[in-house]
């Protein structure tokens, strides 16, 4: 900084001896000051801009993952099944099952986040196949929810079952951490791998998964109040409507998976 100031004075006053100190041109002094700004300010601005861009990408990744997972998990889809399985049980059992199911789903999502791509590579299964199978299973769940009466052998179990088994199957798997959620997590993981901010991107995905499970837990924990407001007919109507849209989501996953398979084998222009 001291040498920069000396350079400014020399430029403004015309050389080493500064003979024109009193007649110095103010515009020359201003121009010298502008020209003598250090490059560190420019580098600092570039670094701050880069950090803002990185934070913006991570925030977009968090919001995208959170909204996609919440739409696929859809607590209102889980709610009718949850209430049906815990029919006649007290509020303590309801909250216990809600907590365990969300915890199991969270652990499953984190497992597939860390090891999902490795497992698919190990068995040679492309992500498009995961989408197709996930779509088929979601379609089956949607048909079961949409139908007024279910026969035995469906994905949603009937009859007596322990709280532990209910929390894991079918609530955590496949309703919460189902093929759609797994495909979403694997897709987000493949998109951020080998990027300069890979660690922060993974942290954003983990935060989105935790936030999704927290919202799902709140919906399940206060299912009784929602039931009182909706009533029996409201729950039945919600179940059928949700079943219809779950089937539609399943069809969408199947179509996207088939398109991806065809494009992989050389068919283009399908979107």
Foldseek 3Di string as FASTA:
>chain_A
DVVLVVQLQQQQQPHDVSPPVVVTDVVSSVVSVVVSDDCVVVVVVVVVVVVVVVVVVLVVLLVVLLVQLCVQLPLLLLLLLLCVQQPPHDLVLLLVLLVLLLVLLLVVLVCCLVCVVVVCVVVVHDLLVLLLVLLVLLLQSLVQLQDPDDDPDGQRHDDDDDSNCVSHGPRSPPSNVNSSSSSSSVVQSVVLPPPPPNVSNSVSNSVSSVVSSVVSSVCRSVSVVVCVVQDPVNSSVSSNVVSVVSNVSSVVSNVVSVVVVVVVVPDDDPD
